[in-house]
């Protein structure tokens, strides 16, 4: 029987666990406060391919002859936009230039700049 201030074994386990947690938190704060780097001063950012002018897409999709499921291969174009592009082409006629895709609802000039390397328009 343990006579350490008359604590039960369960109470001793709880005291040891809380003491360990307290030591861990004190150590964490000491390490964090002694660091010269502020947590919010670290700004990690990177860009993937957007500003790399050496990169060229491996494919181009023809807006006038491609079905909707092929239009979904264009980055940034999902099934809804692909369906809108195909519906616009069927109702308004063929695209004369790639920039004409901005007439489709949901294709903003910003999105057009992103997808421009992946699209082409053929007259036939």
PDB file of N, CA and C in Angstrom:
ATOM      1  N   UNK A   1       0.836  -1.177   0.000  1.00  0.00           N
ATOM      2  CA  UNK A   1       0.000   0.000   0.000  1.00  0.00           C
ATOM      3  C   UNK A   1       0.882   1.242   0.000  1.00  0.00           C
ATOM      4  N   UNK A   2       0.516   2.196  -0.817  1.00  0.00           N
ATOM      5  CA  UNK A   2       1.292   3.412  -0.966  1.00  0.00           C
ATOM      6  C   UNK A   2       0.784   4.467   0.007  1.00  0.00           C
ATOM      7  N   UNK A   3       1.686   5.067   0.758  1.00  0.00           N
ATOM      8  CA  UNK A   3       1.292   6.083   1.731  1.00  0.00           C
ATOM      9  C   UNK A   3       1.727   7.483   1.279  1.00  0.00           C
ATOM     10  N   UNK A   4       1.796   7.696  -0.021  1.00  0.00           N
ATOM     11  CA  UNK A   4       2.210   8.985  -0.565  1.00  0.00           C
ATOM     12  C   UNK A   4       1.016   9.910  -0.546  1.00  0.00           C
ATOM     13  N   UNK A   5       0.807  10.642   0.518  1.00  0.00           N
ATOM     14  CA  UNK A   5      -0.302  11.566   0.720  1.00  0.00           C
ATOM     15  C   UNK A   5      -1.664  10.890   0.578  1.00  0.00           C
ATOM     16  N   UNK A   6      -1.714   9.621   0.768  1.00  0.00           N
ATOM     17  CA  UNK A   6      -2.959   8.861   0.752  1.00  0.00           C
ATOM     18  C   UNK A   6      -3.710   8.944  -0.591  1.00  0.00           C
ATOM     19  N   UNK A   7      -2.971   8.967  -1.745  1.00  0.00           N
ATOM     20  CA  UNK A   7      -3.603   8.964  -3.064  1.00  0.00           C
ATOM     21  C   UNK A   7      -3.823   7.528  -3.513  1.00  0.00           C
ATOM     22  N   UNK A   8      -4.904   7.288  -4.204  1.00  0.00           N
ATOM     23  CA  UNK A   8      -5.157   5.968  -4.768  1.00  0.00           C
ATOM     24  C   UNK A   8      -4.264   5.793  -6.010  1.00  0.00           C
ATOM     25  N   UNK A   9      -4.079   4.560  -6.490  1.00  0.00           N
ATOM     26  CA  UNK A   9      -3.254   4.342  -7.693  1.00  0.00           C
ATOM     27  C   UNK A   9      -3.784   5.108  -8.910  1.00  0.00           C
ATOM     28  N   UNK A  10      -5.089   5.200  -9.076  1.00  0.00           N
ATOM     29  CA  UNK A  10      -5.660   5.948 -10.198  1.00  0.00           C
ATOM     30  C   UNK A  10      -5.361   7.435 -10.075  1.00  0.00           C
ATOM     31  N   UNK A  11      -5.461   7.977  -8.875  1.00  0.00           N
ATOM     32  CA  UNK A  11      -5.157   9.389  -8.660  1.00  0.00           C
ATOM     33  C   UNK A  11      -3.686   9.674  -8.943  1.00  0.00           C
ATOM     34  N   UNK A  12      -2.792   8.742  -8.573  1.00  0.00           N
ATOM     35  CA  UNK A  12      -1.364   8.919  -8.861  1.00  0.00           C
ATOM     36  C   UNK A  12      -1.101   8.922 -10.364  1.00  0.00           C
ATOM     37  N   UNK A  13      -1.779   8.044 -11.093  1.00  0.00           N
ATOM     38  CA  UNK A  13      -1.611   8.012 -12.556  1.00  0.00           C
ATOM     39  C   UNK A  13      -2.067   9.329 -13.179  1.00  0.00           C
ATOM     40  N   UNK A  14      -3.171   9.870 -12.704  1.00  0.00           N
ATOM     41  CA  UNK A  14      -3.681  11.140 -13.227  1.00  0.00           C
ATOM     42  C   UNK A  14      -2.706  12.271 -12.913  1.00  0.00           C
ATOM     43  N   UNK A  15      -2.156  12.289 -11.692  1.00  0.00           N
ATOM     44  CA  UNK A  15      -1.192  13.325 -11.314  1.00  0.00           C
ATOM     45  C   UNK A  15       0.054  13.243 -12.178  1.00  0.00           C
ATOM     46  N   UNK A  16       0.546  12.028 -12.430  1.00  0.00           N
ATOM     47  CA  UNK A  16       1.740  11.858 -13.261  1.00  0.00           C
ATOM     48  C   UNK A  16       1.447  12.301 -14.696  1.00  0.00           C
ATOM     49  N   UNK A  17       0.267  11.935 -15.227  1.00  0.00           N
ATOM     50  CA  UNK A  17      -0.085  12.323 -16.592  1.00  0.00           C
ATOM     51  C   UNK A  17      -0.205  13.841 -16.715  1.00  0.00           C
ATOM     52  N   UNK A  18      -0.853  14.490 -15.776  1.00  0.00           N
ATOM     53  CA  UNK A  18      -0.998  15.948 -15.821  1.00  0.00           C
ATOM     54  C   UNK A  18       0.347  16.649 -15.655  1.00  0.00           C
ATOM     55  N   UNK A  19       1.223  16.080 -14.808  1.00  0.00           N
ATOM     56  CA  UNK A  19       2.559  16.660 -14.646  1.00  0.00           C
ATOM     57  C   UNK A  19       3.354  16.547 -15.947  1.00  0.00           C
ATOM     58  N   UNK A  20       3.245  15.398 -16.604  1.00  0.00           N
ATOM     59  CA  UNK A  20       3.929  15.225 -17.888  1.00  0.00           C
ATOM     60  C   UNK A  20       3.414  16.203 -18.930  1.00  0.00           C
ATOM     61  N   UNK A  21       2.102  16.379 -18.985  1.00  0.00           N
ATOM     62  CA  UNK A  21       1.514  17.334 -19.919  1.00  0.00           C
ATOM     63  C   UNK A  21       1.990  18.746 -19.620  1.00  0.00           C
ATOM     64  N   UNK A  22       2.045  19.105 -18.344  1.00  0.00           N
ATOM     65  CA  UNK A  22       2.510  20.431 -17.953  1.00  0.00           C
ATOM     66  C   UNK A  22       3.969  20.636 -18.366  1.00  0.00           C
ATOM     67  N   UNK A  23       4.812  19.638 -18.159  1.00  0.00           N
ATOM     68  CA  UNK A  23       6.221  19.743 -18.568  1.00  0.00           C
ATOM     69  C   UNK A  23       6.350  19.881 -20.084  1.00  0.00           C
ATOM     70  N   UNK A  24       5.541  19.130 -20.810  1.00  0.00           N
ATOM     71  CA  UNK A  24       5.579  19.221 -22.268  1.00  0.00           C
ATOM     72  C   UNK A  24       5.195  20.619 -22.741  1.00  0.00           C
ATOM     73  N   UNK A  25       4.118  21.174 -22.180  1.00  0.00           N
ATOM     74  CA  UNK A  25       3.674  22.507 -22.593  1.00  0.00           C
ATOM     75  C   UNK A  25       4.681  23.588 -22.223  1.00  0.00           C
ATOM     76  N   UNK A  26       5.291  23.475 -21.057  1.00  0.00           N
ATOM     77  CA  UNK A  26       6.315  24.440 -20.665  1.00  0.00           C
ATOM     78  C   UNK A  26       7.502  24.355 -21.611  1.00  0.00           C
ATOM     79  N   UNK A  27       7.929  23.148 -21.946  1.00  0.00           N
ATOM     80  CA  UNK A  27       9.031  22.978 -22.890  1.00  0.00           C
ATOM     81  C   UNK A  27       8.701  23.533 -24.263  1.00  0.00           C
ATOM     82  N   UNK A  28       7.472  23.294 -24.717  1.00  0.00           N
ATOM     83  CA  UNK A  28       7.045  23.812 -26.007  1.00  0.00           C
ATOM     84  C   UNK A  28       7.106  25.337 -26.034  1.00  0.00           C
ATOM     85  N   UNK A  29       6.607  25.978 -24.991  1.00  0.00           N
ATOM     86  CA  UNK A  29       6.614  27.443 -24.947  1.00  0.00           C
ATOM     87  C   UNK A  29       8.041  27.985 -24.845  1.00  0.00           C
ATOM     88  N   UNK A  30       8.906  27.325 -24.121  1.00  0.00           N
ATOM     89  CA  UNK A  30      10.299  27.781 -24.031  1.00  0.00           C
ATOM     90  C   UNK A  30      10.969  27.688 -25.392  1.00  0.00           C
ATOM     91  N   UNK A  31      10.771  26.601 -26.099  1.00  0.00           N
ATOM     92  CA  UNK A  31      11.380  26.440 -27.419  1.00  0.00           C
ATOM     93  C   UNK A  31      10.791  27.445 -28.398  1.00  0.00           C
ATOM     94  N   UNK A  32       9.472  27.626 -28.363  1.00  0.00           N
ATOM     95  CA  UNK A  32       8.829  28.559 -29.293  1.00  0.00           C
ATOM     96  C   UNK A  32       9.250  29.991 -29.029  1.00  0.00           C
ATOM     97  N   UNK A  33       9.345  30.374 -27.772  1.00  0.00           N
ATOM     98  CA  UNK A  33       9.706  31.751 -27.436  1.00  0.00           C
ATOM     99  C   UNK A  33      11.181  32.038 -27.679  1.00  0.00           C
ATOM    100  N   UNK A  34      12.026  31.020 -27.615  1.00  0.00           N
ATOM    101  CA  UNK A  34      13.456  31.259 -27.841  1.00  0.00           C
ATOM    102  C   UNK A  34      13.800  31.294 -29.321  1.00  0.00           C
ATOM    103  N   UNK A  35      12.867  30.913 -30.156  1.00  0.00           N
ATOM    104  CA  UNK A  35      13.096  30.926 -31.597  1.00  0.00           C
ATOM    105  C   UNK A  35      13.056  32.368 -32.112  1.00  0.00           C
ATOM    106  N   UNK A  36      13.913  32.687 -33.070  1.00  0.00           N
ATOM    107  CA  UNK A  36      13.950  34.025 -33.661  1.00  0.00           C
ATOM    108  C   UNK A  36      12.934  34.193 -34.782  1.00  0.00           C
ATOM    109  N   UNK A  37      12.363  33.103 -35.254  1.00  0.00           N
ATOM    110  CA  UNK A  37      11.443  33.154 -36.384  1.00  0.00           C
ATOM    111  C   UNK A  37      10.020  33.221 -35.872  1.00  0.00           C
ATOM    112  N   UNK A  38       9.316  34.237 -36.302  1.00  0.00           N
ATOM    113  CA  UNK A  38       7.912  34.359 -35.953  1.00  0.00           C
ATOM    114  C   UNK A  38       7.116  33.374 -36.807  1.00  0.00           C
ATOM    115  N   UNK A  39       6.144  32.691 -36.235  1.00  0.00           N
ATOM    116  CA  UNK A  39       5.378  31.725 -37.030  1.00  0.00           C
ATOM    117  C   UNK A  39       4.652  32.358 -38.212  1.00  0.00           C
ATOM    118  N   UNK A  40       4.192  33.592 -38.075  1.00  0.00           N
ATOM    119  CA  UNK A  40       3.458  34.227 -39.167  1.00  0.00           C
ATOM    120  C   UNK A  40       4.373  34.913 -40.169  1.00  0.00           C
ATOM    121  N   UNK A  41       5.674  34.992 -39.861  1.00  0.00           N
ATOM    122  CA  UNK A  41       6.580  35.643 -40.796  1.00  0.00           C
ATOM    123  C   UNK A  41       7.035  34.690 -41.899  1.00  0.00           C
ATOM    124  N   UNK A  42       6.841  33.405 -41.701  1.00  0.00           N
ATOM    125  CA  UNK A  42       7.198  32.446 -42.733  1.00  0.00           C
ATOM    126  C   UNK A  42       6.065  32.370 -43.744  1.00  0.00           C
ATOM    127  N   UNK A  43       6.320  32.802 -44.935  1.00  0.00           N
ATOM    128  CA  UNK A  43       5.316  32.737 -45.982  1.00  0.00           C
ATOM    129  C   UNK A  43       5.863  31.845 -47.078  1.00  0.00           C
ATOM    130  N   UNK A  44       5.301  30.680 -47.159  1.00  0.00           N
ATOM    131  CA  UNK A  44       5.746  29.721 -48.158  1.00  0.00           C
ATOM    132  C   UNK A  44       4.776  29.770 -49.324  1.00  0.00           C
ATOM    133  N   UNK A  45       5.266  30.127 -50.471  1.00  0.00           N
ATOM    134  CA  UNK A  45       4.410  30.145 -51.642  1.00  0.00           C
ATOM    135  C   UNK A  45       5.201  29.600 -52.818  1.00  0.00           C
ATOM    136  N   UNK A  46       4.491  28.997 -53.713  1.00  0.00           N
ATOM    137  CA  UNK A  46       5.116  28.471 -54.914  1.00  0.00           C
ATOM    138  C   UNK A  46       4.092  28.471 -56.026  1.00  0.00           C
ATOM    139  N   UNK A  47       4.579  28.502 -57.220  1.00  0.00           N
ATOM    140  CA  UNK A  47       3.712  28.475 -58.387  1.00  0.00           C
ATOM    141  C   UNK A  47       4.088  27.251 -59.213  1.00  0.00           C
ATOM    142  N   UNK A  48       3.083  26.615 -59.734  1.00  0.00           N
ATOM    143  CA  UNK A  48       3.315  25.420 -60.512  1.00  0.00           C
ATOM    144  C   UNK A  48       2.953  25.710 -61.966  1.00  0.00           C
ATOM    145  N   UNK A  49       3.936  25.975 -62.770  1.00  0.00           N
ATOM    146  CA  UNK A  49       3.757  26.063 -64.206  1.00  0.00           C
ATOM    147  C   UNK A  49       3.108  27.312 -64.749  1.00  0.00           C
ATOM    148  N   UNK A  50       2.481  28.148 -63.919  1.00  0.00           N
ATOM    149  CA  UNK A  50       1.768  29.300 -64.456  1.00  0.00           C
ATOM    150  C   UNK A  50       2.713  30.326 -65.070  1.00  0.00           C
ATOM    151  N   UNK A  51       3.856  30.568 -64.455  1.00  0.00           N
ATOM    152  CA  UNK A  51       4.772  31.580 -64.958  1.00  0.00           C
ATOM    153  C   UNK A  51       5.925  30.992 -65.764  1.00  0.00           C
ATOM    154  N   UNK A  52       5.926  29.702 -65.958  1.00  0.00           N
ATOM    155  CA  UNK A  52       7.004  29.054 -66.685  1.00  0.00           C
ATOM    156  C   UNK A  52       6.699  29.132 -68.175  1.00  0.00           C
ATOM    157  N   UNK A  53       7.434  29.989 -68.887  1.00  0.00           N
ATOM    158  CA  UNK A  53       7.177  30.180 -70.306  1.00  0.00           C
ATOM    159  C   UNK A  53       7.765  29.059 -71.154  1.00  0.00           C
ATOM    160  N   UNK A  54       8.611  28.242 -70.578  1.00  0.00           N
ATOM    161  CA  UNK A  54       9.190  27.119 -71.333  1.00  0.00           C
ATOM    162  C   UNK A  54       8.205  25.969 -71.451  1.00  0.00           C
ATOM    163  N   UNK A  55       7.194  25.949 -70.613  1.00  0.00           N
ATOM    164  CA  UNK A  55       6.233  24.863 -70.592  1.00  0.00           C
ATOM    165  C   UNK A  55       5.228  25.030 -71.720  1.00  0.00           C
ATOM    166  N   UNK A  56       4.950  23.963 -72.409  1.00  0.00           N
ATOM    167  CA  UNK A  56       3.900  23.998 -73.412  1.00  0.00           C
ATOM    168  C   UNK A  56       2.995  22.786 -73.204  1.00  0.00           C
ATOM    169  N   UNK A  57       1.720  22.948 -73.439  1.00  0.00           N
ATOM    170  CA  UNK A  57       0.811  21.826 -73.206  1.00  0.00           C
ATOM    171  C   UNK A  57       1.089  20.687 -74.173  1.00  0.00           C
ATOM    172  N   UNK A  58       0.764  19.492 -73.758  1.00  0.00           N
ATOM    173  CA  UNK A  58       1.025  18.324 -74.599  1.00  0.00           C
ATOM    174  C   UNK A  58      -0.113  18.053 -75.565  1.00  0.00           C
ATOM    175  N   UNK A  59      -1.218  18.748 -75.428  1.00  0.00           N
ATOM    176  CA  UNK A  59      -2.354  18.530 -76.318  1.00  0.00           C
ATOM    177  C   UNK A  59      -3.120  19.827 -76.502  1.00  0.00           C
ATOM    178  N   UNK A  60      -3.883  19.877 -77.567  1.00  0.00           N
ATOM    179  CA  UNK A  60      -4.818  20.972 -77.801  1.00  0.00           C
ATOM    180  C   UNK A  60      -6.141  20.364 -78.243  1.00  0.00           C
ATOM    181  N   UNK A  61      -7.216  20.948 -77.763  1.00  0.00           N
ATOM    182  CA  UNK A  61      -8.552  20.461 -78.082  1.00  0.00           C
ATOM    183  C   UNK A  61      -9.197  21.450 -79.044  1.00  0.00           C
ATOM    184  N   UNK A  62      -9.757  20.918 -80.125  1.00  0.00           N
ATOM    185  CA  UNK A  62     -10.431  21.764 -81.102  1.00  0.00           C
ATOM    186  C   UNK A  62     -11.838  22.078 -80.604  1.00  0.00           C
ATOM    187  N   UNK A  63     -12.133  23.355 -80.467  1.00  0.00           N
ATOM    188  CA  UNK A  63     -13.432  23.769 -79.935  1.00  0.00           C
ATOM    189  C   UNK A  63     -14.579  23.452 -80.887  1.00  0.00           C
ATOM    190  N   UNK A  64     -14.315  23.403 -82.175  1.00  0.00           N
ATOM    191  CA  UNK A  64     -15.392  23.204 -83.144  1.00  0.00           C
ATOM    192  C   UNK A  64     -15.726  21.741 -83.399  1.00  0.00           C
ATOM    193  N   UNK A  65     -14.808  20.834 -83.134  1.00  0.00           N
ATOM    194  CA  UNK A  65     -15.088  19.437 -83.477  1.00  0.00           C
ATOM    195  C   UNK A  65     -15.032  18.473 -82.297  1.00  0.00           C
ATOM    196  N   UNK A  66     -14.606  18.919 -81.137  1.00  0.00           N
ATOM    197  CA  UNK A  66     -14.458  18.013 -79.999  1.00  0.00           C
ATOM    198  C   UNK A  66     -15.777  17.839 -79.261  1.00  0.00           C
ATOM    199  N   UNK A  67     -16.082  16.609 -78.860  1.00  0.00           N
ATOM    200  CA  UNK A  67     -17.285  16.404 -78.039  1.00  0.00           C
ATOM    201  C   UNK A  67     -17.063  16.913 -76.621  1.00  0.00           C
ATOM    202  N   UNK A  68     -18.133  16.979 -75.853  1.00  0.00           N
ATOM    203  CA  UNK A  68     -18.062  17.546 -74.507  1.00  0.00           C
ATOM    204  C   UNK A  68     -17.088  16.793 -73.611  1.00  0.00           C
ATOM    205  N   UNK A  69     -17.018  15.453 -73.738  1.00  0.00           N
ATOM    206  CA  UNK A  69     -16.109  14.714 -72.859  1.00  0.00           C
ATOM    207  C   UNK A  69     -14.646  15.005 -73.181  1.00  0.00           C
ATOM    208  N   UNK A  70     -14.332  15.368 -74.411  1.00  0.00           N
ATOM    209  CA  UNK A  70     -12.962  15.777 -74.746  1.00  0.00           C
ATOM    210  C   UNK A  70     -12.662  17.174 -74.217  1.00  0.00           C
ATOM    211  N   UNK A  71     -13.662  18.027 -74.171  1.00  0.00           N
ATOM    212  CA  UNK A  71     -13.466  19.368 -73.636  1.00  0.00           C
ATOM    213  C   UNK A  71     -13.157  19.330 -72.137  1.00  0.00           C
ATOM    214  N   UNK A  72     -13.598  18.278 -71.455  1.00  0.00           N
ATOM    215  CA  UNK A  72     -13.324  18.133 -70.025  1.00  0.00           C
ATOM    216  C   UNK A  72     -11.846  17.898 -69.747  1.00  0.00           C
ATOM    217  N   UNK A  73     -11.072  17.528 -70.751  1.00  0.00           N
ATOM    218  CA  UNK A  73      -9.632  17.318 -70.574  1.00  0.00           C
ATOM    219  C   UNK A  73      -8.883  18.626 -70.360  1.00  0.00           C
ATOM    220  N   UNK A  74      -9.475  19.734 -70.723  1.00  0.00           N
ATOM    221  CA  UNK A  74      -8.842  21.036 -70.552  1.00  0.00           C
ATOM    222  C   UNK A  74      -8.821  21.378 -69.064  1.00  0.00           C
ATOM    223  N   UNK A  75      -7.653  21.727 -68.507  1.00  0.00           N
ATOM    224  CA  UNK A  75      -7.603  22.081 -67.086  1.00  0.00           C
ATOM    225  C   UNK A  75      -8.511  23.274 -66.778  1.00  0.00           C
ATOM    226  N   UNK A  76      -9.367  23.126 -65.787  1.00  0.00           N
ATOM    227  CA  UNK A  76     -10.286  24.194 -65.409  1.00  0.00           C
ATOM    228  C   UNK A  76     -11.667  24.050 -66.022  1.00  0.00           C
ATOM    229  N   UNK A  77     -11.843  23.098 -66.929  1.00  0.00           N
ATOM    230  CA  UNK A  77     -13.135  22.861 -67.563  1.00  0.00           C
ATOM    231  C   UNK A  77     -13.691  21.549 -67.029  1.00  0.00           C
ATOM    232  N   UNK A  78     -14.811  21.641 -66.347  1.00  0.00           N
ATOM    233  CA  UNK A  78     -15.462  20.440 -65.824  1.00  0.00           C
ATOM    234  C   UNK A  78     -16.608  20.032 -66.726  1.00  0.00           C
ATOM    235  N   UNK A  79     -17.388  19.071 -66.284  1.00  0.00           N
ATOM    236  CA  UNK A  79     -18.491  18.591 -67.117  1.00  0.00           C
ATOM    237  C   UNK A  79     -19.546  19.656 -67.411  1.00  0.00           C
ATOM    238  N   UNK A  80     -19.798  20.543 -66.458  1.00  0.00           N
ATOM    239  CA  UNK A  80     -20.814  21.579 -66.670  1.00  0.00           C
ATOM    240  C   UNK A  80     -20.360  22.563 -67.741  1.00  0.00           C
ATOM    241  N   UNK A  81     -19.135  23.074 -67.610  1.00  0.00           N
ATOM    242  CA  UNK A  81     -18.636  24.023 -68.612  1.00  0.00           C
ATOM    243  C   UNK A  81     -18.463  23.354 -69.973  1.00  0.00           C
ATOM    244  N   UNK A  82     -18.035  22.104 -69.985  1.00  0.00           N
ATOM    245  CA  UNK A  82     -17.891  21.398 -71.262  1.00  0.00           C
ATOM    246  C   UNK A  82     -19.245  21.273 -71.950  1.00  0.00           C
ATOM    247  N   UNK A  83     -20.280  20.982 -71.179  1.00  0.00           N
ATOM    248  CA  UNK A  83     -21.625  20.915 -71.752  1.00  0.00           C
ATOM    249  C   UNK A  83     -22.089  22.264 -72.269  1.00  0.00           C
ATOM    250  N   UNK A  84     -21.767  23.329 -71.550  1.00  0.00           N
ATOM    251  CA  UNK A  84     -22.146  24.673 -72.007  1.00  0.00           C
ATOM    252  C   UNK A  84     -21.426  25.051 -73.296  1.00  0.00           C
ATOM    253  N   UNK A  85     -20.144  24.681 -73.392  1.00  0.00           N
ATOM    254  CA  UNK A  85     -19.381  24.991 -74.611  1.00  0.00           C
ATOM    255  C   UNK A  85     -19.993  24.262 -75.794  1.00  0.00           C
ATOM    256  N   UNK A  86     -20.287  22.970 -75.629  1.00  0.00           N
ATOM    257  CA  UNK A  86     -20.873  22.185 -76.718  1.00  0.00           C
ATOM    258  C   UNK A  86     -22.267  22.716 -77.080  1.00  0.00           C
ATOM    259  N   UNK A  87     -23.052  23.090 -76.082  1.00  0.00           N
ATOM    260  CA  UNK A  87     -24.389  23.621 -76.359  1.00  0.00           C
ATOM    261  C   UNK A  87     -24.301  24.963 -77.078  1.00  0.00           C
ATOM    262  N   UNK A  88     -23.361  25.818 -76.675  1.00  0.00           N
ATOM    263  CA  UNK A  88     -23.188  27.112 -77.337  1.00  0.00           C
ATOM    264  C   UNK A  88     -22.771  26.905 -78.791  1.00  0.00           C
ATOM    265  N   UNK A  89     -21.846  25.987 -79.015  1.00  0.00           N
ATOM    266  CA  UNK A  89     -21.377  25.690 -80.375  1.00  0.00           C
ATOM    267  C   UNK A  89     -22.523  25.173 -81.232  1.00  0.00           C
ATOM    268  N   UNK A  90     -23.376  24.336 -80.658  1.00  0.00           N
ATOM    269  CA  UNK A  90     -24.491  23.785 -81.427  1.00  0.00           C
ATOM    270  C   UNK A  90     -25.558  24.835 -81.722  1.00  0.00           C
ATOM    271  N   UNK A  91     -25.747  25.784 -80.813  1.00  0.00           N
ATOM    272  CA  UNK A  91     -26.806  26.775 -81.022  1.00  0.00           C
ATOM    273  C   UNK A  91     -26.320  27.998 -81.797  1.00  0.00           C
ATOM    274  N   UNK A  92     -25.106  28.477 -81.540  1.00  0.00           N
ATOM    275  CA  UNK A  92     -24.632  29.716 -82.159  1.00  0.00           C
ATOM    276  C   UNK A  92     -23.737  29.470 -83.373  1.00  0.00           C
ATOM    277  N   UNK A  93     -23.337  28.258 -83.593  1.00  0.00           N
ATOM    278  CA  UNK A  93     -22.449  27.972 -84.726  1.00  0.00           C
ATOM    279  C   UNK A  93     -21.013  27.799 -84.252  1.00  0.00           C
ATOM    280  N   UNK A  94     -20.136  27.555 -85.198  1.00  0.00           N
ATOM    281  CA  UNK A  94     -18.733  27.279 -84.874  1.00  0.00           C
ATOM    282  C   UNK A  94     -18.037  28.518 -84.346  1.00  0.00           C
ATOM    283  N   UNK A  95     -17.002  28.269 -83.563  1.00  0.00           N
ATOM    284  CA  UNK A  95     -16.170  29.355 -83.052  1.00  0.00           C
ATOM    285  C   UNK A  95     -15.259  29.844 -84.171  1.00  0.00           C
ATOM    286  N   UNK A  96     -15.137  31.156 -84.330  1.00  0.00           N
ATOM    287  CA  UNK A  96     -14.260  31.723 -85.355  1.00  0.00           C
ATOM    288  C   UNK A  96     -12.829  31.861 -84.846  1.00  0.00           C
ATOM    289  N   UNK A  97     -12.663  32.109 -83.549  1.00  0.00           N
ATOM    290  CA  UNK A  97     -11.347  32.275 -82.931  1.00  0.00           C
ATOM    291  C   UNK A  97     -11.426  31.723 -81.510  1.00  0.00           C
ATOM    292  N   UNK A  98     -10.282  31.349 -80.951  1.00  0.00           N
ATOM    293  CA  UNK A  98     -10.316  30.810 -79.581  1.00  0.00           C
ATOM    294  C   UNK A  98     -10.912  31.777 -78.558  1.00  0.00           C
ATOM    295  N   UNK A  99     -10.739  33.074 -78.755  1.00  0.00           N
ATOM    296  CA  UNK A  99     -11.264  34.056 -77.796  1.00  0.00           C
ATOM    297  C   UNK A  99     -12.790  34.060 -77.760  1.00  0.00           C
ATOM    298  N   UNK A 100     -13.435  33.514 -78.771  1.00  0.00           N
ATOM    299  CA  UNK A 100     -14.897  33.463 -78.798  1.00  0.00           C
ATOM    300  C   UNK A 100     -15.464  32.583 -77.681  1.00  0.00           C
ATOM    301  N   UNK A 101     -14.638  31.769 -77.081  1.00  0.00           N
ATOM    302  CA  UNK A 101     -15.108  30.906 -76.001  1.00  0.00           C
ATOM    303  C   UNK A 101     -15.537  31.731 -74.784  1.00  0.00           C
ATOM    304  N   UNK A 102     -15.065  32.974 -74.704  1.00  0.00           N
ATOM    305  CA  UNK A 102     -15.459  33.822 -73.569  1.00  0.00           C
ATOM    306  C   UNK A 102     -16.931  34.220 -73.642  1.00  0.00           C
ATOM    307  N   UNK A 103     -17.596  33.968 -74.751  1.00  0.00           N
ATOM    308  CA  UNK A 103     -19.027  34.240 -74.861  1.00  0.00           C
ATOM    309  C   UNK A 103     -19.857  33.188 -74.120  1.00  0.00           C
ATOM    310  N   UNK A 104     -19.247  32.064 -73.836  1.00  0.00           N
ATOM    311  CA  UNK A 104     -19.943  31.003 -73.105  1.00  0.00           C
ATOM    312  C   UNK A 104     -20.053  31.417 -71.647  1.00  0.00           C
ATOM    313  N   UNK A 105     -21.228  31.264 -71.072  1.00  0.00           N
ATOM    314  CA  UNK A 105     -21.445  31.626 -69.674  1.00  0.00           C
ATOM    315  C   UNK A 105     -20.550  30.764 -68.780  1.00  0.00           C
ATOM    316  N   UNK A 106     -19.763  31.428 -67.928  1.00  0.00           N
ATOM    317  CA  UNK A 106     -18.867  30.732 -67.008  1.00  0.00           C
ATOM    318  C   UNK A 106     -17.408  30.778 -67.433  1.00  0.00           C
ATOM    319  N   UNK A 107     -17.132  31.217 -68.661  1.00  0.00           N
ATOM    320  CA  UNK A 107     -15.747  31.336 -69.126  1.00  0.00           C
ATOM    321  C   UNK A 107     -15.354  32.805 -69.004  1.00  0.00           C
ATOM    322  N   UNK A 108     -14.618  33.117 -67.969  1.00  0.00           N
ATOM    323  CA  UNK A 108     -14.184  34.494 -67.737  1.00  0.00           C
ATOM    324  C   UNK A 108     -12.887  34.753 -68.507  1.00  0.00           C
ATOM    325  N   UNK A 109     -12.498  36.015 -68.664  1.00  0.00           N
ATOM    326  CA  UNK A 109     -11.206  36.297 -69.312  1.00  0.00           C
ATOM    327  C   UNK A 109     -10.032  35.663 -68.565  1.00  0.00           C
ATOM    328  N   UNK A 110     -10.126  35.592 -67.261  1.00  0.00           N
ATOM    329  CA  UNK A 110      -9.054  34.964 -66.479  1.00  0.00           C
ATOM    330  C   UNK A 110      -8.968  33.463 -66.784  1.00  0.00           C
ATOM    331  N   UNK A 111     -10.114  32.794 -66.839  1.00  0.00           N
ATOM    332  CA  UNK A 111     -10.121  31.377 -67.175  1.00  0.00           C
ATOM    333  C   UNK A 111      -9.651  31.174 -68.609  1.00  0.00           C
ATOM    334  N   UNK A 112     -10.039  32.079 -69.504  1.00  0.00           N
ATOM    335  CA  UNK A 112      -9.589  31.976 -70.898  1.00  0.00           C
ATOM    336  C   UNK A 112      -8.066  32.027 -70.981  1.00  0.00           C
ATOM    337  N   UNK A 113      -7.432  32.919 -70.233  1.00  0.00           N
ATOM    338  CA  UNK A 113      -5.970  33.004 -70.249  1.00  0.00           C
ATOM    339  C   UNK A 113      -5.337  31.712 -69.759  1.00  0.00           C
ATOM    340  N   UNK A 114      -6.000  31.059 -68.830  1.00  0.00           N
ATOM    341  CA  UNK A 114      -5.478  29.798 -68.303  1.00  0.00           C
ATOM    342  C   UNK A 114      -5.607  28.662 -69.315  1.00  0.00           C
ATOM    343  N   UNK A 115      -6.724  28.624 -70.047  1.00  0.00           N
ATOM    344  CA  UNK A 115      -6.966  27.503 -70.954  1.00  0.00           C
ATOM    345  C   UNK A 115      -6.516  27.774 -72.386  1.00  0.00           C
ATOM    346  N   UNK A 116      -6.096  28.989 -72.682  1.00  0.00           N
ATOM    347  CA  UNK A 116      -5.724  29.365 -74.042  1.00  0.00           C
ATOM    348  C   UNK A 116      -4.699  28.429 -74.687  1.00  0.00           C
ATOM    349  N   UNK A 117      -3.665  27.968 -73.963  1.00  0.00           N
ATOM    350  CA  UNK A 117      -2.712  27.060 -74.615  1.00  0.00           C
ATOM    351  C   UNK A 117      -3.300  25.700 -74.976  1.00  0.00           C
ATOM    352  N   UNK A 118      -4.433  25.352 -74.392  1.00  0.00           N
ATOM    353  CA  UNK A 118      -4.997  24.022 -74.603  1.00  0.00           C
ATOM    354  C   UNK A 118      -6.088  23.973 -75.668  1.00  0.00           C
ATOM    355  N   UNK A 119      -6.463  25.128 -76.225  1.00  0.00           N
ATOM    356  CA  UNK A 119      -7.562  25.142 -77.194  1.00  0.00           C
ATOM    357  C   UNK A 119      -7.092  25.668 -78.541  1.00  0.00           C
ATOM    358  N   UNK A 120      -7.801  25.226 -79.559  1.00  0.00           N
ATOM    359  CA  UNK A 120      -7.569  25.729 -80.914  1.00  0.00           C
ATOM    360  C   UNK A 120      -8.905  25.696 -81.662  1.00  0.00           C
ATOM    361  N   UNK A 121      -8.941  26.413 -82.760  1.00  0.00           N
ATOM    362  CA  UNK A 121     -10.144  26.477 -83.576  1.00  0.00           C
ATOM    363  C   UNK A 121      -9.743  26.215 -85.006  1.00  0.00           C
ATOM    364  N   UNK A 122     -10.400  25.235 -85.614  1.00  0.00           N
ATOM    365  CA  UNK A 122     -10.206  24.981 -87.043  1.00  0.00           C
ATOM    366  C   UNK A 122     -11.482  25.381 -87.782  1.00  0.00           C
ATOM    367  N   UNK A 123     -11.307  25.882 -88.971  1.00  0.00           N
ATOM    368  CA  UNK A 123     -12.443  26.400 -89.724  1.00  0.00           C
ATOM    369  C   UNK A 123     -13.288  25.297 -90.332  1.00  0.00           C
ATOM    370  N   UNK A 124     -12.766  24.167 -90.598  1.00  0.00           N
ATOM    371  CA  UNK A 124     -13.533  23.102 -91.253  1.00  0.00           C
ATOM    372  C   UNK A 124     -14.303  22.390 -90.258  1.00  0.00           C
TER     373      UNK A 124
END
